[in-house]
Amino acid sequence: MSELTQANSDGSAVVNDARGRKLTVRQPDFLQESRITKLCGEASTNVGYMYAYVFPAIAVIAVDGDAVPFPTTYLQIEGLIARVGREGCSAVLNHMSSAHNAEAHREDVKN
C-alpha cells in the first residue's frame, strides 16, 4: 500500500511504503531511462524485470529524506533495487499508476 503524502513543485512526490518509509520519487527523464536500459544489457529485454524492479527503483531519489544517487553501473541498479525492496517498488508502482490514471482522466475531460 502506498499513500501520497506530498507533491512537490519539481515534479517529485513523497509516498509512504508499507514499511513506513517516506520515498521521494520522480520519473527519470528519457535520457536517464536510455542509459539505464543500456546498463541492464541483455536483462533489458525482460519487460517484467524492467517495469517491476528497475524503473520503480530508479524513480526513488530519496529514502526518509536521505538522497539516493542515480545509478551509473549495473551493480548500483541492483543495490538500489535491494534498498528500495518489494514494499518500496510496490508503493512507487501504485503512485505511478495513480498519476498516469489522473493524467489520462484530465486528457479525457479536455476532449
PDB file of N, CA and C in Angstrom:
ATOM      1  N   MET A   1       0.838  -1.171   0.000  1.00  0.00           N
ATOM      2  CA  MET A   1       0.000   0.000   0.000  1.00  0.00           C
ATOM      3  C   MET A   1       0.886   1.239   0.000  1.00  0.00           C
ATOM      4  N   SER A   2       0.524   2.232  -0.787  1.00  0.00           N
ATOM      5  CA  SER A   2       1.263   3.485  -0.771  1.00  0.00           C
ATOM      6  C   SER A   2       0.288   4.618  -0.541  1.00  0.00           C
ATOM      7  N   GLU A   3       0.811   5.669   0.028  1.00  0.00           N
ATOM      8  CA  GLU A   3      -0.014   6.832   0.290  1.00  0.00           C
ATOM      9  C   GLU A   3       0.795   8.056  -0.114  1.00  0.00           C
ATOM     10  N   LEU A   4       0.231   8.848  -1.031  1.00  0.00           N
ATOM     11  CA  LEU A   4       0.884  10.091  -1.431  1.00  0.00           C
ATOM     12  C   LEU A   4       0.789  11.050  -0.258  1.00  0.00           C
ATOM     13  N   THR A   5       1.942  11.533   0.195  1.00  0.00           N
ATOM     14  CA  THR A   5       1.921  12.452   1.319  1.00  0.00           C
ATOM     15  C   THR A   5       2.271  13.868   0.906  1.00  0.00           C
ATOM     16  N   GLN A   6       2.905  14.024  -0.267  1.00  0.00           N
ATOM     17  CA  GLN A   6       3.327  15.357  -0.667  1.00  0.00           C
ATOM     18  C   GLN A   6       3.644  15.354  -2.151  1.00  0.00           C
ATOM     19  N   ALA A   7       3.153  16.356  -2.867  1.00  0.00           N
ATOM     20  CA  ALA A   7       3.525  16.590  -4.267  1.00  0.00           C
ATOM     21  C   ALA A   7       4.369  17.855  -4.286  1.00  0.00           C
ATOM     22  N   ASN A   8       5.512  17.807  -4.944  1.00  0.00           N
ATOM     23  CA  ASN A   8       6.448  18.922  -4.947  1.00  0.00           C
ATOM     24  C   ASN A   8       6.467  19.643  -6.290  1.00  0.00           C
ATOM     25  N   SER A   9       6.863  20.896  -6.271  1.00  0.00           N
ATOM     26  CA  SER A   9       6.871  21.708  -7.486  1.00  0.00           C
ATOM     27  C   SER A   9       7.909  21.242  -8.500  1.00  0.00           C
ATOM     28  N   ASP A  10       8.902  20.458  -8.086  1.00  0.00           N
ATOM     29  CA  ASP A  10       9.923  19.981  -9.017  1.00  0.00           C
ATOM     30  C   ASP A  10       9.512  18.701  -9.739  1.00  0.00           C
ATOM     31  N   GLY A  11       8.253  18.304  -9.574  1.00  0.00           N
ATOM     32  CA  GLY A  11       7.767  17.095 -10.231  1.00  0.00           C
ATOM     33  C   GLY A  11       7.939  15.838  -9.407  1.00  0.00           C
ATOM     34  N   SER A  12       8.557  15.967  -8.245  1.00  0.00           N
ATOM     35  CA  SER A  12       8.707  14.805  -7.378  1.00  0.00           C
ATOM     36  C   SER A  12       7.498  14.687  -6.463  1.00  0.00           C
ATOM     37  N   ALA A  13       7.377  13.534  -5.849  1.00  0.00           N
ATOM     38  CA  ALA A  13       6.300  13.290  -4.891  1.00  0.00           C
ATOM     39  C   ALA A  13       6.869  12.435  -3.765  1.00  0.00           C
ATOM     40  N   VAL A  14       6.255  12.524  -2.614  1.00  0.00           N
ATOM     41  CA  VAL A  14       6.652  11.697  -1.478  1.00  0.00           C
ATOM     42  C   VAL A  14       5.531  10.708  -1.212  1.00  0.00           C
ATOM     43  N   VAL A  15       5.895   9.424  -1.202  1.00  0.00           N
ATOM     44  CA  VAL A  15       4.923   8.372  -0.912  1.00  0.00           C
ATOM     45  C   VAL A  15       5.423   7.557   0.275  1.00  0.00           C
ATOM     46  N   ASN A  16       4.494   7.013   1.034  1.00  0.00           N
ATOM     47  CA  ASN A  16       4.835   6.105   2.134  1.00  0.00           C
ATOM     48  C   ASN A  16       4.726   4.690   1.627  1.00  0.00           C
ATOM     49  N   ASP A  17       5.696   3.851   2.002  1.00  0.00           N
ATOM     50  CA  ASP A  17       5.568   2.441   1.647  1.00  0.00           C
ATOM     51  C   ASP A  17       5.057   1.652   2.848  1.00  0.00           C
ATOM     52  N   ALA A  18       4.846   0.362   2.670  1.00  0.00           N
ATOM     53  CA  ALA A  18       4.269  -0.485   3.714  1.00  0.00           C
ATOM     54  C   ALA A  18       5.181  -0.611   4.934  1.00  0.00           C
ATOM     55  N   ARG A  19       6.460  -0.288   4.777  1.00  0.00           N
ATOM     56  CA  ARG A  19       7.394  -0.327   5.905  1.00  0.00           C
ATOM     57  C   ARG A  19       7.446   1.001   6.642  1.00  0.00           C
ATOM     58  N   GLY A  20       6.633   1.970   6.202  1.00  0.00           N
ATOM     59  CA  GLY A  20       6.578   3.264   6.861  1.00  0.00           C
ATOM     60  C   GLY A  20       7.631   4.248   6.394  1.00  0.00           C
ATOM     61  N   ARG A  21       8.383   3.892   5.371  1.00  0.00           N
ATOM     62  CA  ARG A  21       9.396   4.817   4.854  1.00  0.00           C
ATOM     63  C   ARG A  21       8.757   5.863   3.960  1.00  0.00           C
ATOM     64  N   LYS A  22       9.341   7.037   3.938  1.00  0.00           N
ATOM     65  CA  LYS A  22       8.914   8.101   3.036  1.00  0.00           C
ATOM     66  C   LYS A  22       9.865   8.083   1.844  1.00  0.00           C
ATOM     67  N   LEU A  23       9.319   7.733   0.683  1.00  0.00           N
ATOM     68  CA  LEU A  23      10.118   7.662  -0.533  1.00  0.00           C
ATOM     69  C   LEU A  23       9.814   8.874  -1.406  1.00  0.00           C
ATOM     70  N   THR A  24      10.846   9.625  -1.745  1.00  0.00           N
ATOM     71  CA  THR A  24      10.680  10.724  -2.695  1.00  0.00           C
ATOM     72  C   THR A  24      10.946  10.139  -4.068  1.00  0.00           C
ATOM     73  N   VAL A  25       9.984  10.317  -4.960  1.00  0.00           N
ATOM     74  CA  VAL A  25      10.085   9.722  -6.294  1.00  0.00           C
ATOM     75  C   VAL A  25       9.930  10.794  -7.367  1.00  0.00           C
ATOM     76  N   ARG A  26      10.610  10.559  -8.468  1.00  0.00           N
ATOM     77  CA  ARG A  26      10.477  11.418  -9.635  1.00  0.00           C
ATOM     78  C   ARG A  26      10.757  10.566 -10.867  1.00  0.00           C
ATOM     79  N   GLN A  27       9.931  10.723 -11.869  1.00  0.00           N
ATOM     80  CA  GLN A  27      10.108   9.987 -13.114  1.00  0.00           C
ATOM     81  C   GLN A  27      11.447  10.375 -13.745  1.00  0.00           C
ATOM     82  N   PRO A  28      12.319   9.416 -14.023  1.00  0.00           N
ATOM     83  CA  PRO A  28      13.574   9.744 -14.709  1.00  0.00           C
ATOM     84  C   PRO A  28      13.288  10.318 -16.097  1.00  0.00           C
ATOM     85  N   ASP A  29      14.199  11.156 -16.571  1.00  0.00           N
ATOM     86  CA  ASP A  29      13.990  11.695 -17.908  1.00  0.00           C
ATOM     87  C   ASP A  29      14.339  10.627 -18.957  1.00  0.00           C
ATOM     88  N   PHE A  30      14.027  10.937 -20.193  1.00  0.00           N
ATOM     89  CA  PHE A  30      14.171   9.981 -21.285  1.00  0.00           C
ATOM     90  C   PHE A  30      15.617   9.501 -21.440  1.00  0.00           C
ATOM     91  N   LEU A  31      16.571  10.420 -21.322  1.00  0.00           N
ATOM     92  CA  LEU A  31      17.981  10.046 -21.445  1.00  0.00           C
ATOM     93  C   LEU A  31      18.401   9.127 -20.301  1.00  0.00           C
ATOM     94  N   GLN A  32      17.958   9.433 -19.087  1.00  0.00           N
ATOM     95  CA  GLN A  32      18.285   8.569 -17.949  1.00  0.00           C
ATOM     96  C   GLN A  32      17.733   7.162 -18.167  1.00  0.00           C
ATOM     97  N   GLU A  33      16.500   7.065 -18.651  1.00  0.00           N
ATOM     98  CA  GLU A  33      15.916   5.751 -18.930  1.00  0.00           C
ATOM     99  C   GLU A  33      16.734   5.008 -19.978  1.00  0.00           C
ATOM    100  N   SER A  34      17.178   5.725 -21.002  1.00  0.00           N
ATOM    101  CA  SER A  34      18.000   5.115 -22.052  1.00  0.00           C
ATOM    102  C   SER A  34      19.300   4.573 -21.478  1.00  0.00           C
ATOM    103  N   ARG A  35      19.938   5.357 -20.632  1.00  0.00           N
ATOM    104  CA  ARG A  35      21.201   4.925 -20.029  1.00  0.00           C
ATOM    105  C   ARG A  35      21.007   3.704 -19.135  1.00  0.00           C
ATOM    106  N   ILE A  36      19.924   3.693 -18.376  1.00  0.00           N
ATOM    107  CA  ILE A  36      19.638   2.549 -17.504  1.00  0.00           C
ATOM    108  C   ILE A  36      19.401   1.295 -18.342  1.00  0.00           C
ATOM    109  N   THR A  37      18.640   1.448 -19.416  1.00  0.00           N
ATOM    110  CA  THR A  37      18.376   0.308 -20.301  1.00  0.00           C
ATOM    111  C   THR A  37      19.675  -0.249 -20.850  1.00  0.00           C
ATOM    112  N   LYS A  38      20.569   0.632 -21.252  1.00  0.00           N
ATOM    113  CA  LYS A  38      21.869   0.207 -21.774  1.00  0.00           C
ATOM    114  C   LYS A  38      22.684  -0.514 -20.696  1.00  0.00           C
ATOM    115  N   LEU A  39      22.662   0.024 -19.459  1.00  0.00           N
ATOM    116  CA  LEU A  39      23.396  -0.607 -18.361  1.00  0.00           C
ATOM    117  C   LEU A  39      22.884  -2.014 -18.054  1.00  0.00           C
ATOM    118  N   CYS A  40      21.585  -2.222 -18.240  1.00  0.00           N
ATOM    119  CA  CYS A  40      20.989  -3.526 -17.933  1.00  0.00           C
ATOM    120  C   CYS A  40      21.327  -4.576 -18.987  1.00  0.00           C
ATOM    121  N   GLY A  41      21.821  -4.136 -20.135  1.00  0.00           N
ATOM    122  CA  GLY A  41      22.247  -5.073 -21.168  1.00  0.00           C
ATOM    123  C   GLY A  41      21.135  -6.028 -21.567  1.00  0.00           C
ATOM    124  N   GLU A  42      21.469  -7.303 -21.632  1.00  0.00           N
ATOM    125  CA  GLU A  42      20.512  -8.338 -22.051  1.00  0.00           C
ATOM    126  C   GLU A  42      19.279  -8.380 -21.144  1.00  0.00           C
ATOM    127  N   ALA A  43      19.453  -8.060 -19.862  1.00  0.00           N
ATOM    128  CA  ALA A  43      18.321  -8.076 -18.927  1.00  0.00           C
ATOM    129  C   ALA A  43      17.247  -7.063 -19.324  1.00  0.00           C
ATOM    130  N   SER A  44      17.630  -6.052 -20.100  1.00  0.00           N
ATOM    131  CA  SER A  44      16.665  -5.026 -20.501  1.00  0.00           C
ATOM    132  C   SER A  44      15.597  -5.569 -21.445  1.00  0.00           C
ATOM    133  N   THR A  45      15.815  -6.737 -22.021  1.00  0.00           N
ATOM    134  CA  THR A  45      14.793  -7.341 -22.888  1.00  0.00           C
ATOM    135  C   THR A  45      13.679  -8.001 -22.079  1.00  0.00           C
ATOM    136  N   ASN A  46      13.896  -8.140 -20.769  1.00  0.00           N
ATOM    137  CA  ASN A  46      12.887  -8.715 -19.882  1.00  0.00           C
ATOM    138  C   ASN A  46      11.999  -7.573 -19.374  1.00  0.00           C
ATOM    139  N   VAL A  47      10.879  -7.372 -20.046  1.00  0.00           N
ATOM    140  CA  VAL A  47       9.992  -6.250 -19.750  1.00  0.00           C
ATOM    141  C   VAL A  47       9.485  -6.299 -18.306  1.00  0.00           C
ATOM    142  N   GLY A  48       9.149  -7.469 -17.822  1.00  0.00           N
ATOM    143  CA  GLY A  48       8.669  -7.603 -16.439  1.00  0.00           C
ATOM    144  C   GLY A  48       9.715  -7.136 -15.444  1.00  0.00           C
ATOM    145  N   TYR A  49      10.949  -7.528 -15.657  1.00  0.00           N
ATOM    146  CA  TYR A  49      12.050  -7.118 -14.777  1.00  0.00           C
ATOM    147  C   TYR A  49      12.225  -5.604 -14.799  1.00  0.00           C
ATOM    148  N   MET A  50      12.228  -5.028 -15.987  1.00  0.00           N
ATOM    149  CA  MET A  50      12.449  -3.588 -16.123  1.00  0.00           C
ATOM    150  C   MET A  50      11.334  -2.781 -15.461  1.00  0.00           C
ATOM    151  N   TYR A  51      10.079  -3.179 -15.711  1.00  0.00           N
ATOM    152  CA  TYR A  51       8.953  -2.388 -15.215  1.00  0.00           C
ATOM    153  C   TYR A  51       8.552  -2.695 -13.774  1.00  0.00           C
ATOM    154  N   ALA A  52       8.899  -3.873 -13.263  1.00  0.00           N
ATOM    155  CA  ALA A  52       8.527  -4.212 -11.883  1.00  0.00           C
ATOM    156  C   ALA A  52       9.645  -3.916 -10.884  1.00  0.00           C
ATOM    157  N   TYR A  53      10.881  -3.919 -11.357  1.00  0.00           N
ATOM    158  CA  TYR A  53      12.010  -3.753 -10.448  1.00  0.00           C
ATOM    159  C   TYR A  53      12.857  -2.519 -10.769  1.00  0.00           C
ATOM    160  N   VAL A  54      13.376  -2.461 -11.989  1.00  0.00           N
ATOM    161  CA  VAL A  54      14.352  -1.420 -12.335  1.00  0.00           C
ATOM    162  C   VAL A  54      13.734  -0.026 -12.346  1.00  0.00           C
ATOM    163  N   PHE A  55      12.697   0.190 -13.159  1.00  0.00           N
ATOM    164  CA  PHE A  55      12.147   1.541 -13.287  1.00  0.00           C
ATOM    165  C   PHE A  55      11.540   2.077 -11.985  1.00  0.00           C
ATOM    166  N   PRO A  56      10.841   1.269 -11.203  1.00  0.00           N
ATOM    167  CA  PRO A  56      10.370   1.812  -9.914  1.00  0.00           C
ATOM    168  C   PRO A  56      11.538   2.173  -8.981  1.00  0.00           C
ATOM    169  N   ALA A  57      12.563   1.338  -8.953  1.00  0.00           N
ATOM    170  CA  ALA A  57      13.700   1.607  -8.058  1.00  0.00           C
ATOM    171  C   ALA A  57      14.443   2.874  -8.460  1.00  0.00           C
ATOM    172  N   ILE A  58      14.669   3.072  -9.771  1.00  0.00           N
ATOM    173  CA  ILE A  58      15.437   4.253 -10.175  1.00  0.00           C
ATOM    174  C   ILE A  58      14.626   5.539 -10.064  1.00  0.00           C
ATOM    175  N   ALA A  59      13.322   5.420  -9.864  1.00  0.00           N
ATOM    176  CA  ALA A  59      12.493   6.614  -9.657  1.00  0.00           C
ATOM    177  C   ALA A  59      12.653   7.175  -8.249  1.00  0.00           C
ATOM    178  N   VAL A  60      13.205   6.381  -7.334  1.00  0.00           N
ATOM    179  CA  VAL A  60      13.388   6.826  -5.948  1.00  0.00           C
ATOM    180  C   VAL A  60      14.624   7.715  -5.878  1.00  0.00           C
ATOM    181  N   ILE A  61      14.417   8.967  -5.441  1.00  0.00           N
ATOM    182  CA  ILE A  61      15.538   9.901  -5.338  1.00  0.00           C
ATOM    183  C   ILE A  61      15.909  10.200  -3.883  1.00  0.00           C
ATOM    184  N   ALA A  62      15.085   9.731  -2.930  1.00  0.00           N
ATOM    185  CA  ALA A  62      15.421   9.867  -1.510  1.00  0.00           C
ATOM    186  C   ALA A  62      14.605   8.857  -0.706  1.00  0.00           C
ATOM    187  N   VAL A  63      15.196   8.364   0.362  1.00  0.00           N
ATOM    188  CA  VAL A  63      14.518   7.476   1.310  1.00  0.00           C
ATOM    189  C   VAL A  63      14.600   8.149   2.679  1.00  0.00           C
ATOM    190  N   ASP A  64      13.430   8.448   3.233  1.00  0.00           N
ATOM    191  CA  ASP A  64      13.360   9.151   4.522  1.00  0.00           C
ATOM    192  C   ASP A  64      14.229  10.416   4.530  1.00  0.00           C
ATOM    193  N   GLY A  65      14.235  11.123   3.407  1.00  0.00           N
ATOM    194  CA  GLY A  65      14.968  12.374   3.304  1.00  0.00           C
ATOM    195  C   GLY A  65      16.430  12.242   2.933  1.00  0.00           C
ATOM    196  N   ASP A  66      16.954  11.021   2.924  1.00  0.00           N
ATOM    197  CA  ASP A  66      18.356  10.804   2.538  1.00  0.00           C
ATOM    198  C   ASP A  66      18.433  10.621   1.026  1.00  0.00           C
ATOM    199  N   ALA A  67      19.188  11.500   0.355  1.00  0.00           N
ATOM    200  CA  ALA A  67      19.294  11.457  -1.101  1.00  0.00           C
ATOM    201  C   ALA A  67      19.830  10.112  -1.586  1.00  0.00           C
ATOM    202  N   VAL A  68      19.292   9.659  -2.703  1.00  0.00           N
ATOM    203  CA  VAL A  68      19.733   8.430  -3.349  1.00  0.00           C
ATOM    204  C   VAL A  68      20.362   8.821  -4.682  1.00  0.00           C
ATOM    205  N   PRO A  69      21.653   8.576  -4.860  1.00  0.00           N
ATOM    206  CA  PRO A  69      22.278   8.944  -6.130  1.00  0.00           C
ATOM    207  C   PRO A  69      21.743   8.082  -7.276  1.00  0.00           C
ATOM    208  N   PHE A  70      21.659   8.696  -8.462  1.00  0.00           N
ATOM    209  CA  PHE A  70      21.195   7.952  -9.630  1.00  0.00           C
ATOM    210  C   PHE A  70      22.268   6.934 -10.007  1.00  0.00           C
ATOM    211  N   PRO A  71      21.876   5.678 -10.245  1.00  0.00           N
ATOM    212  CA  PRO A  71      22.867   4.637 -10.525  1.00  0.00           C
ATOM    213  C   PRO A  71      23.577   4.846 -11.870  1.00  0.00           C
ATOM    214  N   THR A  72      24.855   4.508 -11.883  1.00  0.00           N
ATOM    215  CA  THR A  72      25.646   4.606 -13.118  1.00  0.00           C
ATOM    216  C   THR A  72      26.282   3.276 -13.514  1.00  0.00           C
ATOM    217  N   THR A  73      26.039   2.236 -12.707  1.00  0.00           N
ATOM    218  CA  THR A  73      26.519   0.893 -13.046  1.00  0.00           C
ATOM    219  C   THR A  73      25.392  -0.102 -12.776  1.00  0.00           C
ATOM    220  N   TYR A  74      25.516  -1.286 -13.353  1.00  0.00           N
ATOM    221  CA  TYR A  74      24.504  -2.317 -13.123  1.00  0.00           C
ATOM    222  C   TYR A  74      24.477  -2.746 -11.655  1.00  0.00           C
ATOM    223  N   LEU A  75      25.660  -2.823 -11.027  1.00  0.00           N
ATOM    224  CA  LEU A  75      25.703  -3.190  -9.602  1.00  0.00           C
ATOM    225  C   LEU A  75      24.979  -2.153  -8.749  1.00  0.00           C
ATOM    226  N   GLN A  76      25.075  -0.875  -9.108  1.00  0.00           N
ATOM    227  CA  GLN A  76      24.346   0.159  -8.373  1.00  0.00           C
ATOM    228  C   GLN A  76      22.842   0.024  -8.576  1.00  0.00           C
ATOM    229  N   ILE A  77      22.425  -0.381  -9.770  1.00  0.00           N
ATOM    230  CA  ILE A  77      20.998  -0.628 -10.019  1.00  0.00           C
ATOM    231  C   ILE A  77      20.513  -1.742  -9.105  1.00  0.00           C
ATOM    232  N   GLU A  78      21.274  -2.834  -9.043  1.00  0.00           N
ATOM    233  CA  GLU A  78      20.887  -3.949  -8.171  1.00  0.00           C
ATOM    234  C   GLU A  78      20.869  -3.524  -6.702  1.00  0.00           C
ATOM    235  N   GLY A  79      21.831  -2.720  -6.298  1.00  0.00           N
ATOM    236  CA  GLY A  79      21.861  -2.229  -4.922  1.00  0.00           C
ATOM    237  C   GLY A  79      20.647  -1.367  -4.608  1.00  0.00           C
ATOM    238  N   LEU A  80      20.240  -0.558  -5.582  1.00  0.00           N
ATOM    239  CA  LEU A  80      19.069   0.286  -5.384  1.00  0.00           C
ATOM    240  C   LEU A  80      17.794  -0.549  -5.310  1.00  0.00           C
ATOM    241  N   ILE A  81      17.693  -1.571  -6.147  1.00  0.00           N
ATOM    242  CA  ILE A  81      16.543  -2.481  -6.076  1.00  0.00           C
ATOM    243  C   ILE A  81      16.481  -3.114  -4.685  1.00  0.00           C
ATOM    244  N   ALA A  82      17.629  -3.543  -4.173  1.00  0.00           N
ATOM    245  CA  ALA A  82      17.673  -4.159  -2.842  1.00  0.00           C
ATOM    246  C   ALA A  82      17.283  -3.151  -1.758  1.00  0.00           C
ATOM    247  N   ARG A  83      17.756  -1.928  -1.889  1.00  0.00           N
ATOM    248  CA  ARG A  83      17.453  -0.901  -0.875  1.00  0.00           C
ATOM    249  C   ARG A  83      15.978  -0.521  -0.888  1.00  0.00           C
ATOM    250  N   VAL A  84      15.421  -0.323  -2.068  1.00  0.00           N
ATOM    251  CA  VAL A  84      14.017   0.067  -2.178  1.00  0.00           C
ATOM    252  C   VAL A  84      13.124  -1.102  -1.766  1.00  0.00           C
ATOM    253  N   GLY A  85      13.478  -2.298  -2.196  1.00  0.00           N
ATOM    254  CA  GLY A  85      12.764  -3.501  -1.787  1.00  0.00           C
ATOM    255  C   GLY A  85      11.374  -3.647  -2.387  1.00  0.00           C
ATOM    256  N   ARG A  86      10.750  -4.746  -2.059  1.00  0.00           N
ATOM    257  CA  ARG A  86       9.420  -5.081  -2.572  1.00  0.00           C
ATOM    258  C   ARG A  86       8.386  -4.024  -2.184  1.00  0.00           C
ATOM    259  N   GLU A  87       8.412  -3.630  -0.898  1.00  0.00           N
ATOM    260  CA  GLU A  87       7.424  -2.660  -0.424  1.00  0.00           C
ATOM    261  C   GLU A  87       7.590  -1.303  -1.103  1.00  0.00           C
ATOM    262  N   GLY A  88       8.840  -0.889  -1.280  1.00  0.00           N
ATOM    263  CA  GLY A  88       9.102   0.382  -1.935  1.00  0.00           C
ATOM    264  C   GLY A  88       8.718   0.365  -3.400  1.00  0.00           C
ATOM    265  N   CYS A  89       9.092  -0.696  -4.116  1.00  0.00           N
ATOM    266  CA  CYS A  89       8.735  -0.799  -5.534  1.00  0.00           C
ATOM    267  C   CYS A  89       7.219  -0.827  -5.698  1.00  0.00           C
ATOM    268  N   SER A  90       6.534  -1.518  -4.806  1.00  0.00           N
ATOM    269  CA  SER A  90       5.074  -1.573  -4.863  1.00  0.00           C
ATOM    270  C   SER A  90       4.473  -0.180  -4.670  1.00  0.00           C
ATOM    271  N   ALA A  91       4.985   0.574  -3.709  1.00  0.00           N
ATOM    272  CA  ALA A  91       4.482   1.928  -3.456  1.00  0.00           C
ATOM    273  C   ALA A  91       4.735   2.834  -4.656  1.00  0.00           C
ATOM    274  N   VAL A  92       5.917   2.720  -5.256  1.00  0.00           N
ATOM    275  CA  VAL A  92       6.248   3.542  -6.427  1.00  0.00           C
ATOM    276  C   VAL A  92       5.345   3.172  -7.594  1.00  0.00           C
ATOM    277  N   LEU A  93       5.148   1.874  -7.820  1.00  0.00           N
ATOM    278  CA  LEU A  93       4.273   1.440  -8.914  1.00  0.00           C
ATOM    279  C   LEU A  93       2.844   1.933  -8.714  1.00  0.00           C
ATOM    280  N   ASN A  94       2.347   1.851  -7.492  1.00  0.00           N
ATOM    281  CA  ASN A  94       1.000   2.349  -7.202  1.00  0.00           C
ATOM    282  C   ASN A  94       0.903   3.843  -7.464  1.00  0.00           C
ATOM    283  N   HIS A  95       1.922   4.584  -7.054  1.00  0.00           N
ATOM    284  CA  HIS A  95       1.928   6.032  -7.283  1.00  0.00           C
ATOM    285  C   HIS A  95       1.960   6.342  -8.776  1.00  0.00           C
ATOM    286  N   MET A  96       2.841   5.657  -9.510  1.00  0.00           N
ATOM    287  CA  MET A  96       2.956   5.908 -10.950  1.00  0.00           C
ATOM    288  C   MET A  96       1.652   5.580 -11.665  1.00  0.00           C
ATOM    289  N   SER A  97       1.015   4.503 -11.256  1.00  0.00           N
ATOM    290  CA  SER A  97      -0.258   4.116 -11.864  1.00  0.00           C
ATOM    291  C   SER A  97      -1.333   5.158 -11.583  1.00  0.00           C
ATOM    292  N   SER A  98      -1.392   5.622 -10.347  1.00  0.00           N
ATOM    293  CA  SER A  98      -2.378   6.646  -9.975  1.00  0.00           C
ATOM    294  C   SER A  98      -2.122   7.943 -10.733  1.00  0.00           C
ATOM    295  N   ALA A  99      -0.849   8.332 -10.842  1.00  0.00           N
ATOM    296  CA  ALA A  99      -0.502   9.563 -11.555  1.00  0.00           C
ATOM    297  C   ALA A  99      -0.859   9.441 -13.035  1.00  0.00           C
ATOM    298  N   HIS A 100      -0.591   8.269 -13.609  1.00  0.00           N
ATOM    299  CA  HIS A 100      -0.921   8.045 -15.025  1.00  0.00           C
ATOM    300  C   HIS A 100      -2.432   8.095 -15.238  1.00  0.00           C
ATOM    301  N   ASN A 101      -3.182   7.456 -14.346  1.00  0.00           N
ATOM    302  CA  ASN A 101      -4.646   7.464 -14.465  1.00  0.00           C
ATOM    303  C   ASN A 101      -5.215   8.868 -14.311  1.00  0.00           C
ATOM    304  N   ALA A 102      -4.656   9.657 -13.402  1.00  0.00           N
ATOM    305  CA  ALA A 102      -5.124  11.036 -13.215  1.00  0.00           C
ATOM    306  C   ALA A 102      -4.850  11.864 -14.465  1.00  0.00           C
ATOM    307  N   GLU A 103      -3.672  11.678 -15.067  1.00  0.00           N
ATOM    308  CA  GLU A 103      -3.336  12.411 -16.290  1.00  0.00           C
ATOM    309  C   GLU A 103      -4.255  11.997 -17.430  1.00  0.00           C
ATOM    310  N   ALA A 104      -4.541  10.705 -17.565  1.00  0.00           N
ATOM    311  CA  ALA A 104      -5.454  10.232 -18.608  1.00  0.00           C
ATOM    312  C   ALA A 104      -6.847  10.816 -18.415  1.00  0.00           C
ATOM    313  N   HIS A 105      -7.278  10.900 -17.166  1.00  0.00           N
ATOM    314  CA  HIS A 105      -8.598  11.468 -16.877  1.00  0.00           C
ATOM    315  C   HIS A 105      -8.633  12.944 -17.263  1.00  0.00           C
ATOM    316  N   ARG A 106      -7.572  13.686 -16.956  1.00  0.00           N
ATOM    317  CA  ARG A 106      -7.521  15.110 -17.349  1.00  0.00           C
ATOM    318  C   ARG A 106      -7.594  15.255 -18.864  1.00  0.00           C
ATOM    319  N   GLU A 107      -6.925  14.393 -19.588  1.00  0.00           N
ATOM    320  CA  GLU A 107      -6.954  14.430 -21.056  1.00  0.00           C
ATOM    321  C   GLU A 107      -8.366  14.119 -21.566  1.00  0.00           C
ATOM    322  N   ASP A 108      -9.041  13.147 -20.949  1.00  0.00           N
ATOM    323  CA  ASP A 108     -10.405  12.803 -21.353  1.00  0.00           C
ATOM    324  C   ASP A 108     -11.350  13.983 -21.125  1.00  0.00           C
ATOM    325  N   VAL A 109     -11.178  14.672 -20.014  1.00  0.00           N
ATOM    326  CA  VAL A 109     -12.029  15.805 -19.682  1.00  0.00           C
ATOM    327  C   VAL A 109     -11.821  16.927 -20.704  1.00  0.00           C
ATOM    328  N   LYS A 110     -10.561  17.140 -21.119  1.00  0.00           N
ATOM    329  CA  LYS A 110     -10.281  18.191 -22.110  1.00  0.00           C
ATOM    330  C   LYS A 110     -10.956  17.906 -23.447  1.00  0.00           C
ATOM    331  N   ASN A 111     -11.042  16.653 -23.809  1.00  0.00           N
ATOM    332  CA  ASN A 111     -11.611  16.272 -25.088  1.00  0.00           C
ATOM    333  C   ASN A 111     -13.092  16.147 -24.950  1.00  0.00           C
TER     334      ASN A 111
END
